[in-house]
Amino acid sequence: MKRVIVTGCAGFIGSHLSERLVNMGVYVVGVDNLSAGKMSNMKTFIDSPNFSFHEADITNYGLLKHLFTDVDTVFHQAASKKTVCMKDPMRDLEVNAKGTYNLLLLSEHFGVKKFVHASTGSVYGESNGKIQDENFNINPCSFYGISKFAGERYVNLFHKEKGLNTTILRYFHVIGTRQENNEYGGVMAIFAKKLSLGQPVTIFGDGTQMRCFTHVSDIVEANICSATKSISIGQIYNVCADSHVTLLDATEKLSIALNAKLNINYLPAQEGDIKFFNVSNEKIKAHFGIEFRDFDKSIRNIL
């Protein structure tokens, strides 16, 4: 890798990935429309000679075209998140499907050597007690899961029909520093903020929903391996921690780590929420040798 594009570079995961690449000496063309990303997330690398920032929306093909000259790798991290899809499913579809298609068209046109696509475990739907490996049936139960799977299918089509070197990474419950703690943020970041302020947290459902919280540094490692290891060509990987915890257990551990009193309000489960994830990460560990952080270690790195 010499010159790469990172979409969503000002976001939670995209900023961590961009920082890692810049520190590796790779030139990063950062793209973000700042709808959710923040300039402050890029403060550690925005002045680097190995980085340039471009405010652009991935749904606008014309704004992206001039950025692809001499780019050898695309890390597509920009996305409309599940919280957005519940309010505006059309925008969710436009970003996650059309935006991905735009980037794939440009990657093919400019001869990009590698396209790494960030997807989500939400494409699976409920586990129904079965292990969710990469061959598990796809049955999304939310607008978000459907739009992200549409993006995946475009990626797969460009690999099979156009010969583009692609890898799809399905993320699960990513946590870490820089994660938003507002209504569009991750549940652990939201809970950490409320606990620190002495406020009650809200759990939608009964708290027994199973999650596999994955630290952002492990997500970054998966992206780097996908771009540099030939075994990843055309592959799909679950990117998730080994440990699975209930949301209630995770919340209790977080309150202990913060030395904060825990007060929980329970509300009905939200539409499209998956209750039980039963995910296998054996494939990515076998291919890349990544050792994922467990939840206890991960929460110490988000406080």
C-alpha atoms as a PDB file:
ATOM      1  CA  MET A   1       0.000   0.000   0.000  1.00  0.00           C
ATOM      2  CA  LYS A   2       1.259   3.426  -0.970  1.00  0.00           C
ATOM      3  CA  ARG A   3      -1.806   5.606  -1.501  1.00  0.00           C
ATOM      4  CA  VAL A   4      -5.220   4.636  -0.123  1.00  0.00           C
ATOM      5  CA  ILE A   5      -8.711   6.027   0.316  1.00  0.00           C
ATOM      6  CA  VAL A   6     -10.468   5.703   3.667  1.00  0.00           C
ATOM      7  CA  THR A   7     -14.144   6.631   3.555  1.00  0.00           C
ATOM      8  CA  GLY A   8     -15.639   7.685   6.865  1.00  0.00           C
ATOM      9  CA  CYS A   9     -12.181   8.859   7.932  1.00  0.00           C
ATOM     10  CA  ALA A  10     -13.552  11.265  10.553  1.00  0.00           C
ATOM     11  CA  GLY A  11     -15.738   8.619  12.155  1.00  0.00           C
ATOM     12  CA  PHE A  12     -15.083   6.247  15.009  1.00  0.00           C
ATOM     13  CA  ILE A  13     -13.563   3.306  13.138  1.00  0.00           C
ATOM     14  CA  GLY A  14     -12.365   5.248  10.101  1.00  0.00           C
ATOM     15  CA  SER A  15     -10.264   7.632  12.193  1.00  0.00           C
ATOM     16  CA  HIS A  16      -8.528   4.782  14.011  1.00  0.00           C
ATOM     17  CA  LEU A  17      -7.803   3.052  10.707  1.00  0.00           C
ATOM     18  CA  SER A  18      -6.542   6.269   9.122  1.00  0.00           C
ATOM     19  CA  GLU A  19      -4.264   6.941  12.077  1.00  0.00           C
ATOM     20  CA  ARG A  20      -2.767   3.453  11.866  1.00  0.00           C
ATOM     21  CA  LEU A  21      -2.141   3.770   8.132  1.00  0.00           C
ATOM     22  CA  VAL A  22      -0.570   7.227   8.431  1.00  0.00           C
ATOM     23  CA  ASN A  23       1.749   5.911  11.146  1.00  0.00           C
ATOM     24  CA  MET A  24       2.721   3.083   8.787  1.00  0.00           C
ATOM     25  CA  GLY A  25       3.864   5.659   6.228  1.00  0.00           C
ATOM     26  CA  VAL A  26       0.913   5.114   3.890  1.00  0.00           C
ATOM     27  CA  TYR A  27      -0.596   8.182   2.208  1.00  0.00           C
ATOM     28  CA  VAL A  28      -4.271   8.395   3.191  1.00  0.00           C
ATOM     29  CA  VAL A  29      -6.888  10.242   1.165  1.00  0.00           C
ATOM     30  CA  GLY A  30      -9.574  10.725   3.798  1.00  0.00           C
ATOM     31  CA  VAL A  31     -13.212  11.141   2.740  1.00  0.00           C
ATOM     32  CA  ASP A  32     -16.085  12.084   5.059  1.00  0.00           C
ATOM     33  CA  ASN A  33     -19.220  14.211   4.768  1.00  0.00           C
ATOM     34  CA  LEU A  34     -19.064  15.006   8.514  1.00  0.00           C
ATOM     35  CA  SER A  35     -22.686  14.005   9.058  1.00  0.00           C
ATOM     36  CA  ALA A  36     -21.509  11.851  11.953  1.00  0.00           C
ATOM     37  CA  GLY A  37     -17.709  12.134  11.828  1.00  0.00           C
ATOM     38  CA  LYS A  38     -15.847  14.845  13.705  1.00  0.00           C
ATOM     39  CA  MET A  39     -12.766  16.847  12.822  1.00  0.00           C
ATOM     40  CA  SER A  40     -11.546  16.274  16.386  1.00  0.00           C
ATOM     41  CA  ASN A  41     -11.303  12.539  15.697  1.00  0.00           C
ATOM     42  CA  MET A  42      -8.510  13.304  13.211  1.00  0.00           C
ATOM     43  CA  LYS A  43      -6.474  15.663  15.396  1.00  0.00           C
ATOM     44  CA  THR A  44      -3.596  13.202  15.852  1.00  0.00           C
ATOM     45  CA  PHE A  45      -2.921  12.876  12.116  1.00  0.00           C
ATOM     46  CA  ILE A  46      -4.729  15.600  10.160  1.00  0.00           C
ATOM     47  CA  ASP A  47      -1.546  17.691   9.864  1.00  0.00           C
ATOM     48  CA  SER A  48       0.569  14.746   8.727  1.00  0.00           C
ATOM     49  CA  PRO A  49       2.173  15.008   5.267  1.00  0.00           C
ATOM     50  CA  ASN A  50       0.755  11.510   4.712  1.00  0.00           C
ATOM     51  CA  PHE A  51      -2.865  12.654   5.007  1.00  0.00           C
ATOM     52  CA  SER A  52      -5.333  14.823   3.107  1.00  0.00           C
ATOM     53  CA  PHE A  53      -8.945  15.396   4.073  1.00  0.00           C
ATOM     54  CA  HIS A  54     -11.793  15.805   1.590  1.00  0.00           C
ATOM     55  CA  GLU A  55     -15.323  16.637   2.682  1.00  0.00           C
ATOM     56  CA  ALA A  56     -17.512  14.670   0.294  1.00  0.00           C
ATOM     57  CA  ASP A  57     -20.565  12.430   0.295  1.00  0.00           C
ATOM     58  CA  ILE A  58     -20.057   8.935  -1.132  1.00  0.00           C
ATOM     59  CA  THR A  59     -23.457   9.118  -2.829  1.00  0.00           C
ATOM     60  CA  ASN A  60     -22.095  11.922  -5.067  1.00  0.00           C
ATOM     61  CA  TYR A  61     -20.074  10.205  -7.801  1.00  0.00           C
ATOM     62  CA  GLY A  62     -18.769  13.472  -9.214  1.00  0.00           C
ATOM     63  CA  LEU A  63     -17.235  14.616  -5.944  1.00  0.00           C
ATOM     64  CA  LEU A  64     -15.341  11.335  -5.567  1.00  0.00           C
ATOM     65  CA  LYS A  65     -13.897  10.900  -9.053  1.00  0.00           C
ATOM     66  CA  HIS A  66     -10.908  13.232  -8.722  1.00  0.00           C
ATOM     67  CA  LEU A  67      -9.735  11.490  -5.525  1.00  0.00           C
ATOM     68  CA  PHE A  68      -8.916   8.132  -7.113  1.00  0.00           C
ATOM     69  CA  THR A  69      -5.795   9.042  -9.102  1.00  0.00           C
ATOM     70  CA  ASP A  70      -2.920   6.668  -8.175  1.00  0.00           C
ATOM     71  CA  VAL A  71      -4.956   5.058  -5.356  1.00  0.00           C
ATOM     72  CA  ASP A  72      -4.094   1.379  -4.895  1.00  0.00           C
ATOM     73  CA  THR A  73      -6.429   0.449  -2.000  1.00  0.00           C
ATOM     74  CA  VAL A  74      -9.874   1.524  -0.824  1.00  0.00           C
ATOM     75  CA  PHE A  75     -11.024   1.001   2.768  1.00  0.00           C
ATOM     76  CA  HIS A  76     -14.754   1.636   2.661  1.00  0.00           C
ATOM     77  CA  GLN A  77     -15.788   2.458   6.238  1.00  0.00           C
ATOM     78  CA  ALA A  78     -18.491   5.089   5.629  1.00  0.00           C
ATOM     79  CA  ALA A  79     -22.006   3.888   6.393  1.00  0.00           C
ATOM     80  CA  SER A  80     -25.469   4.830   7.463  1.00  0.00           C
ATOM     81  CA  LYS A  81     -25.874   3.181  10.862  1.00  0.00           C
ATOM     82  CA  LYS A  82     -28.829   1.283  12.272  1.00  0.00           C
ATOM     83  CA  THR A  83     -29.992   4.298  14.274  1.00  0.00           C
ATOM     84  CA  VAL A  84     -30.241   6.265  11.026  1.00  0.00           C
ATOM     85  CA  CYS A  85     -32.185   3.584   9.179  1.00  0.00           C
ATOM     86  CA  MET A  86     -35.029   3.702  11.694  1.00  0.00           C
ATOM     87  CA  LYS A  87     -35.577   7.413  10.974  1.00  0.00           C
ATOM     88  CA  ASP A  88     -34.763   7.545   7.258  1.00  0.00           C
ATOM     89  CA  PRO A  89     -34.607   4.135   5.535  1.00  0.00           C
ATOM     90  CA  MET A  90     -34.320   5.748   2.097  1.00  0.00           C
ATOM     91  CA  ARG A  91     -31.166   7.622   3.102  1.00  0.00           C
ATOM     92  CA  ASP A  92     -29.892   4.409   4.676  1.00  0.00           C
ATOM     93  CA  LEU A  93     -30.332   2.600   1.364  1.00  0.00           C
ATOM     94  CA  GLU A  94     -28.749   5.428  -0.612  1.00  0.00           C
ATOM     95  CA  VAL A  95     -25.596   5.486   1.515  1.00  0.00           C
ATOM     96  CA  ASN A  96     -25.089   1.766   2.094  1.00  0.00           C
ATOM     97  CA  ALA A  97     -25.989   0.578  -1.401  1.00  0.00           C
ATOM     98  CA  LYS A  98     -25.573   3.452  -3.878  1.00  0.00           C
ATOM     99  CA  GLY A  99     -22.530   4.851  -2.065  1.00  0.00           C
ATOM    100  CA  THR A 100     -20.842   1.462  -2.174  1.00  0.00           C
ATOM    101  CA  TYR A 101     -21.701   1.059  -5.857  1.00  0.00           C
ATOM    102  CA  ASN A 102     -20.150   4.451  -6.658  1.00  0.00           C
ATOM    103  CA  LEU A 103     -16.905   3.486  -4.962  1.00  0.00           C
ATOM    104  CA  LEU A 104     -16.783   0.131  -6.733  1.00  0.00           C
ATOM    105  CA  LEU A 105     -17.333   1.772 -10.146  1.00  0.00           C
ATOM    106  CA  LEU A 106     -14.499   4.202  -9.509  1.00  0.00           C
ATOM    107  CA  SER A 107     -12.232   1.463  -8.157  1.00  0.00           C
ATOM    108  CA  GLU A 108     -12.722  -0.553 -11.314  1.00  0.00           C
ATOM    109  CA  HIS A 109     -12.234   2.476 -13.566  1.00  0.00           C
ATOM    110  CA  PHE A 110      -9.007   3.597 -11.886  1.00  0.00           C
ATOM    111  CA  GLY A 111      -7.518   0.130 -11.500  1.00  0.00           C
ATOM    112  CA  VAL A 112      -7.606  -0.063  -7.691  1.00  0.00           C
ATOM    113  CA  LYS A 113      -5.767  -3.178  -6.522  1.00  0.00           C
ATOM    114  CA  LYS A 114      -7.748  -3.848  -3.342  1.00  0.00           C
ATOM    115  CA  PHE A 115     -11.220  -2.966  -2.020  1.00  0.00           C
ATOM    116  CA  VAL A 116     -11.887  -3.663   1.668  1.00  0.00           C
ATOM    117  CA  HIS A 117     -15.559  -3.313   2.540  1.00  0.00           C
ATOM    118  CA  ALA A 118     -16.917  -2.785   6.050  1.00  0.00           C
ATOM    119  CA  SER A 119     -20.193  -4.629   6.564  1.00  0.00           C
ATOM    120  CA  THR A 120     -22.068  -5.810   9.643  1.00  0.00           C
ATOM    121  CA  GLY A 121     -23.240  -8.891  11.489  1.00  0.00           C
ATOM    122  CA  SER A 122     -26.752  -7.492  11.172  1.00  0.00           C
ATOM    123  CA  VAL A 123     -26.976  -9.113   7.732  1.00  0.00           C
ATOM    124  CA  TYR A 124     -27.479 -12.489   9.449  1.00  0.00           C
ATOM    125  CA  GLY A 125     -30.560 -11.787  11.531  1.00  0.00           C
ATOM    126  CA  GLU A 126     -31.320 -14.046  14.490  1.00  0.00           C
ATOM    127  CA  SER A 127     -29.079 -17.048  15.158  1.00  0.00           C
ATOM    128  CA  ASN A 128     -31.939 -19.304  16.328  1.00  0.00           C
ATOM    129  CA  GLY A 129     -29.418 -21.178  18.435  1.00  0.00           C
ATOM    130  CA  LYS A 130     -27.113 -21.998  15.523  1.00  0.00           C
ATOM    131  CA  ILE A 131     -23.510 -20.876  15.089  1.00  0.00           C
ATOM    132  CA  GLN A 132     -23.230 -17.888  12.766  1.00  0.00           C
ATOM    133  CA  ASP A 133     -20.183 -18.542  10.635  1.00  0.00           C
ATOM    134  CA  GLU A 134     -19.654 -16.891   7.259  1.00  0.00           C
ATOM    135  CA  ASN A 135     -21.876 -19.505   5.560  1.00  0.00           C
ATOM    136  CA  PHE A 136     -24.832 -18.880   7.868  1.00  0.00           C
ATOM    137  CA  ASN A 137     -28.102 -18.051   6.107  1.00  0.00           C
ATOM    138  CA  ILE A 138     -28.601 -14.365   5.428  1.00  0.00           C
ATOM    139  CA  ASN A 139     -31.917 -13.147   6.848  1.00  0.00           C
ATOM    140  CA  PRO A 140     -31.658  -9.503   7.963  1.00  0.00           C
ATOM    141  CA  CYS A 141     -34.488  -8.172  10.116  1.00  0.00           C
ATOM    142  CA  SER A 142     -33.864  -4.417   9.787  1.00  0.00           C
ATOM    143  CA  PHE A 143     -33.599  -1.823   7.023  1.00  0.00           C
ATOM    144  CA  TYR A 144     -29.957  -1.455   8.046  1.00  0.00           C
ATOM    145  CA  GLY A 145     -29.198  -5.156   7.655  1.00  0.00           C
ATOM    146  CA  ILE A 146     -30.867  -5.212   4.250  1.00  0.00           C
ATOM    147  CA  SER A 147     -29.056  -2.127   2.932  1.00  0.00           C
ATOM    148  CA  LYS A 148     -25.693  -3.388   4.169  1.00  0.00           C
ATOM    149  CA  PHE A 149     -26.279  -6.744   2.518  1.00  0.00           C
ATOM    150  CA  ALA A 150     -27.140  -4.944  -0.717  1.00  0.00           C
ATOM    151  CA  GLY A 151     -23.735  -3.277  -0.473  1.00  0.00           C
ATOM    152  CA  GLU A 152     -22.130  -6.678   0.068  1.00  0.00           C
ATOM    153  CA  ARG A 153     -23.780  -8.056  -3.046  1.00  0.00           C
ATOM    154  CA  TYR A 154     -22.406  -5.223  -5.155  1.00  0.00           C
ATOM    155  CA  VAL A 155     -18.934  -5.939  -3.757  1.00  0.00           C
ATOM    156  CA  ASN A 156     -19.282  -9.634  -4.523  1.00  0.00           C
ATOM    157  CA  LEU A 157     -20.513  -8.899  -8.051  1.00  0.00           C
ATOM    158  CA  PHE A 158     -17.528  -6.656  -8.819  1.00  0.00           C
ATOM    159  CA  HIS A 159     -15.200  -9.376  -7.547  1.00  0.00           C
ATOM    160  CA  LYS A 160     -16.753 -12.188  -9.573  1.00  0.00           C
ATOM    161  CA  GLU A 161     -17.705 -10.329 -12.756  1.00  0.00           C
ATOM    162  CA  LYS A 162     -15.123  -7.525 -12.896  1.00  0.00           C
ATOM    163  CA  GLY A 163     -12.135  -9.228 -11.261  1.00  0.00           C
ATOM    164  CA  LEU A 164     -11.811  -6.635  -8.500  1.00  0.00           C
ATOM    165  CA  ASN A 165      -9.813  -7.865  -5.500  1.00  0.00           C
ATOM    166  CA  THR A 166     -12.258  -7.485  -2.608  1.00  0.00           C
ATOM    167  CA  THR A 167     -12.685  -8.505   1.011  1.00  0.00           C
ATOM    168  CA  ILE A 168     -15.838  -8.088   3.105  1.00  0.00           C
ATOM    169  CA  LEU A 169     -15.550  -7.613   6.878  1.00  0.00           C
ATOM    170  CA  ARG A 170     -18.656  -8.119   9.000  1.00  0.00           C
ATOM    171  CA  TYR A 171     -18.238  -6.083  12.191  1.00  0.00           C
ATOM    172  CA  PHE A 172     -19.876  -6.908  15.519  1.00  0.00           C
ATOM    173  CA  HIS A 173     -20.572  -4.382  18.307  1.00  0.00           C
ATOM    174  CA  VAL A 174     -17.398  -2.329  17.988  1.00  0.00           C
ATOM    175  CA  ILE A 175     -16.256  -0.364  21.053  1.00  0.00           C
ATOM    176  CA  GLY A 176     -13.340   1.938  21.821  1.00  0.00           C
ATOM    177  CA  THR A 177     -12.253   5.545  22.124  1.00  0.00           C
ATOM    178  CA  ARG A 178     -13.815   8.211  19.844  1.00  0.00           C
ATOM    179  CA  GLN A 179     -17.130   6.357  19.621  1.00  0.00           C
ATOM    180  CA  GLU A 180     -20.137   8.665  19.621  1.00  0.00           C
ATOM    181  CA  ASN A 181     -22.082   8.740  22.880  1.00  0.00           C
ATOM    182  CA  ASN A 182     -25.152  10.558  21.566  1.00  0.00           C
ATOM    183  CA  GLU A 183     -28.333   8.944  20.238  1.00  0.00           C
ATOM    184  CA  TYR A 184     -26.436   7.724  17.163  1.00  0.00           C
ATOM    185  CA  GLY A 185     -23.572   6.221  19.144  1.00  0.00           C
ATOM    186  CA  GLY A 186     -22.685   2.772  20.409  1.00  0.00           C
ATOM    187  CA  VAL A 187     -24.484   1.373  23.424  1.00  0.00           C
ATOM    188  CA  MET A 188     -21.370   1.076  25.621  1.00  0.00           C
ATOM    189  CA  ALA A 189     -20.288   4.639  24.818  1.00  0.00           C
ATOM    190  CA  ILE A 190     -23.770   5.934  25.629  1.00  0.00           C
ATOM    191  CA  PHE A 191     -23.880   3.956  28.875  1.00  0.00           C
ATOM    192  CA  ALA A 192     -20.384   5.092  29.895  1.00  0.00           C
ATOM    193  CA  LYS A 193     -21.395   8.734  29.507  1.00  0.00           C
ATOM    194  CA  LYS A 194     -24.617   8.327  31.483  1.00  0.00           C
ATOM    195  CA  LEU A 195     -22.962   6.328  34.276  1.00  0.00           C
ATOM    196  CA  SER A 196     -20.195   8.921  34.562  1.00  0.00           C
ATOM    197  CA  LEU A 197     -22.867  11.612  34.976  1.00  0.00           C
ATOM    198  CA  GLY A 198     -24.780   9.586  37.563  1.00  0.00           C
ATOM    199  CA  GLN A 199     -27.726   9.137  35.209  1.00  0.00           C
ATOM    200  CA  PRO A 200     -29.793   5.983  34.649  1.00  0.00           C
ATOM    201  CA  VAL A 201     -29.192   3.907  31.516  1.00  0.00           C
ATOM    202  CA  THR A 202     -31.944   2.576  29.282  1.00  0.00           C
ATOM    203  CA  ILE A 203     -31.971  -1.028  28.111  1.00  0.00           C
ATOM    204  CA  PHE A 204     -34.409  -1.876  25.349  1.00  0.00           C
ATOM    205  CA  GLY A 205     -35.626  -5.389  26.093  1.00  0.00           C
ATOM    206  CA  ASP A 206     -34.803  -7.475  29.139  1.00  0.00           C
ATOM    207  CA  GLY A 207     -30.996  -7.237  28.971  1.00  0.00           C
ATOM    208  CA  THR A 208     -30.448 -10.888  28.090  1.00  0.00           C
ATOM    209  CA  GLN A 209     -29.633 -10.104  24.463  1.00  0.00           C
ATOM    210  CA  MET A 210     -26.240 -11.585  23.594  1.00  0.00           C
ATOM    211  CA  ARG A 211     -23.447  -9.425  22.184  1.00  0.00           C
ATOM    212  CA  CYS A 212     -19.778  -9.867  21.241  1.00  0.00           C
ATOM    213  CA  PHE A 213     -18.220  -6.457  21.834  1.00  0.00           C
ATOM    214  CA  THR A 214     -15.111  -6.062  19.670  1.00  0.00           C
ATOM    215  CA  HIS A 215     -12.381  -3.505  20.301  1.00  0.00           C
ATOM    216  CA  VAL A 216     -11.697  -1.029  17.500  1.00  0.00           C
ATOM    217  CA  SER A 217      -7.981  -1.853  17.430  1.00  0.00           C
ATOM    218  CA  ASP A 218      -8.851  -5.428  16.441  1.00  0.00           C
ATOM    219  CA  ILE A 219     -11.119  -4.080  13.701  1.00  0.00           C
ATOM    220  CA  VAL A 220      -8.206  -2.004  12.395  1.00  0.00           C
ATOM    221  CA  GLU A 221      -5.934  -5.047  12.403  1.00  0.00           C
ATOM    222  CA  ALA A 222      -8.496  -6.989  10.382  1.00  0.00           C
ATOM    223  CA  ASN A 223      -8.544  -4.218   7.773  1.00  0.00           C
ATOM    224  CA  ILE A 224      -4.753  -4.117   7.488  1.00  0.00           C
ATOM    225  CA  CYS A 225      -4.553  -7.894   7.142  1.00  0.00           C
ATOM    226  CA  SER A 226      -7.300  -7.881   4.513  1.00  0.00           C
ATOM    227  CA  ALA A 227      -5.345  -5.386   2.434  1.00  0.00           C
ATOM    228  CA  THR A 228      -1.966  -7.092   2.738  1.00  0.00           C
ATOM    229  CA  LYS A 229      -2.603 -10.849   2.816  1.00  0.00           C
ATOM    230  CA  SER A 230      -3.413 -12.625  -0.437  1.00  0.00           C
ATOM    231  CA  ILE A 231      -5.492 -15.248   1.369  1.00  0.00           C
ATOM    232  CA  SER A 232      -8.167 -12.567   1.833  1.00  0.00           C
ATOM    233  CA  ILE A 233      -8.994 -12.215  -1.867  1.00  0.00           C
ATOM    234  CA  GLY A 234     -12.738 -12.627  -2.385  1.00  0.00           C
ATOM    235  CA  GLN A 235     -13.300 -13.615   1.233  1.00  0.00           C
ATOM    236  CA  ILE A 236     -15.909 -12.656   3.824  1.00  0.00           C
ATOM    237  CA  TYR A 237     -14.936 -12.555   7.505  1.00  0.00           C
ATOM    238  CA  ASN A 238     -16.764 -12.198  10.787  1.00  0.00           C
ATOM    239  CA  VAL A 239     -14.768  -9.674  12.813  1.00  0.00           C
ATOM    240  CA  CYS A 240     -15.713 -10.214  16.429  1.00  0.00           C
ATOM    241  CA  ALA A 241     -14.304 -10.924  19.855  1.00  0.00           C
ATOM    242  CA  ASP A 242     -14.161 -14.430  21.280  1.00  0.00           C
ATOM    243  CA  SER A 243     -16.221 -13.496  24.335  1.00  0.00           C
ATOM    244  CA  HIS A 244     -19.996 -13.230  24.207  1.00  0.00           C
ATOM    245  CA  VAL A 245     -21.796 -11.371  27.010  1.00  0.00           C
ATOM    246  CA  THR A 246     -25.353 -10.333  27.716  1.00  0.00           C
ATOM    247  CA  LEU A 247     -26.081  -6.634  27.542  1.00  0.00           C
ATOM    248  CA  LEU A 248     -26.964  -6.647  31.241  1.00  0.00           C
ATOM    249  CA  ASP A 249     -23.677  -8.322  32.226  1.00  0.00           C
ATOM    250  CA  ALA A 250     -21.739  -5.877  30.052  1.00  0.00           C
ATOM    251  CA  THR A 251     -23.521  -2.929  31.653  1.00  0.00           C
ATOM    252  CA  GLU A 252     -22.796  -4.201  35.154  1.00  0.00           C
ATOM    253  CA  LYS A 253     -19.109  -4.675  34.328  1.00  0.00           C
ATOM    254  CA  LEU A 254     -18.970  -1.187  32.858  1.00  0.00           C
ATOM    255  CA  SER A 255     -20.468   0.334  36.001  1.00  0.00           C
ATOM    256  CA  ILE A 256     -17.897  -1.487  38.148  1.00  0.00           C
ATOM    257  CA  ALA A 257     -15.049  -0.260  35.940  1.00  0.00           C
ATOM    258  CA  LEU A 258     -16.356   3.294  36.304  1.00  0.00           C
ATOM    259  CA  ASN A 259     -17.077   2.863  40.020  1.00  0.00           C
ATOM    260  CA  ALA A 260     -20.559   4.214  39.271  1.00  0.00           C
ATOM    261  CA  LYS A 261     -23.957   3.380  40.719  1.00  0.00           C
ATOM    262  CA  LEU A 262     -26.060   1.412  38.255  1.00  0.00           C
ATOM    263  CA  ASN A 263     -29.673   2.398  37.703  1.00  0.00           C
ATOM    264  CA  ILE A 264     -31.448   0.791  34.734  1.00  0.00           C
ATOM    265  CA  ASN A 265     -34.674   1.742  32.990  1.00  0.00           C
ATOM    266  CA  TYR A 266     -36.145  -1.036  30.878  1.00  0.00           C
ATOM    267  CA  LEU A 267     -38.158  -0.267  27.744  1.00  0.00           C
ATOM    268  CA  PRO A 268     -39.636  -2.583  25.077  1.00  0.00           C
ATOM    269  CA  ALA A 269     -37.194  -3.995  22.524  1.00  0.00           C
ATOM    270  CA  GLN A 270     -36.678  -1.843  19.454  1.00  0.00           C
ATOM    271  CA  GLU A 271     -37.838  -2.904  16.024  1.00  0.00           C
ATOM    272  CA  GLY A 272     -35.157  -4.812  14.119  1.00  0.00           C
ATOM    273  CA  ASP A 273     -33.010  -5.567  17.168  1.00  0.00           C
ATOM    274  CA  ILE A 274     -31.351  -8.976  17.085  1.00  0.00           C
ATOM    275  CA  LYS A 275     -31.568 -10.709  20.462  1.00  0.00           C
ATOM    276  CA  PHE A 276     -28.991 -13.476  20.176  1.00  0.00           C
ATOM    277  CA  PHE A 277     -25.728 -13.388  18.253  1.00  0.00           C
ATOM    278  CA  ASN A 278     -23.852 -16.708  18.264  1.00  0.00           C
ATOM    279  CA  VAL A 279     -20.901 -15.753  16.118  1.00  0.00           C
ATOM    280  CA  SER A 280     -17.869 -17.739  15.023  1.00  0.00           C
ATOM    281  CA  ASN A 281     -14.572 -15.933  14.373  1.00  0.00           C
ATOM    282  CA  GLU A 282     -12.613 -19.086  13.608  1.00  0.00           C
ATOM    283  CA  LYS A 283     -12.096 -18.232   9.939  1.00  0.00           C
ATOM    284  CA  ILE A 284     -10.475 -14.840  10.473  1.00  0.00           C
ATOM    285  CA  LYS A 285      -8.294 -16.174  13.292  1.00  0.00           C
ATOM    286  CA  ALA A 286      -7.131 -19.042  11.084  1.00  0.00           C
ATOM    287  CA  HIS A 287      -6.393 -16.769   8.099  1.00  0.00           C
ATOM    288  CA  PHE A 288      -4.896 -13.768   9.928  1.00  0.00           C
ATOM    289  CA  GLY A 289      -3.859 -15.022  13.366  1.00  0.00           C
ATOM    290  CA  ILE A 290      -5.605 -12.145  15.146  1.00  0.00           C
ATOM    291  CA  GLU A 291      -5.937 -12.498  18.916  1.00  0.00           C
ATOM    292  CA  PHE A 292      -9.067 -10.607  19.883  1.00  0.00           C
ATOM    293  CA  ARG A 293      -9.331  -8.710  23.160  1.00  0.00           C
ATOM    294  CA  ASP A 294     -11.922  -9.985  25.620  1.00  0.00           C
ATOM    295  CA  PHE A 295     -14.622  -7.683  26.930  1.00  0.00           C
ATOM    296  CA  ASP A 296     -12.993  -6.947  30.289  1.00  0.00           C
ATOM    297  CA  LYS A 297      -9.828  -5.735  28.566  1.00  0.00           C
ATOM    298  CA  SER A 298     -11.758  -3.823  25.919  1.00  0.00           C
ATOM    299  CA  ILE A 299     -13.806  -1.738  28.355  1.00  0.00           C
ATOM    300  CA  ARG A 300     -10.632  -0.596  30.105  1.00  0.00           C
ATOM    301  CA  ASN A 301      -9.642   0.932  26.772  1.00  0.00           C
ATOM    302  CA  ILE A 302     -12.821   2.955  26.266  1.00  0.00           C
ATOM    303  CA  LEU A 303     -12.861   4.788  29.595  1.00  0.00           C
END
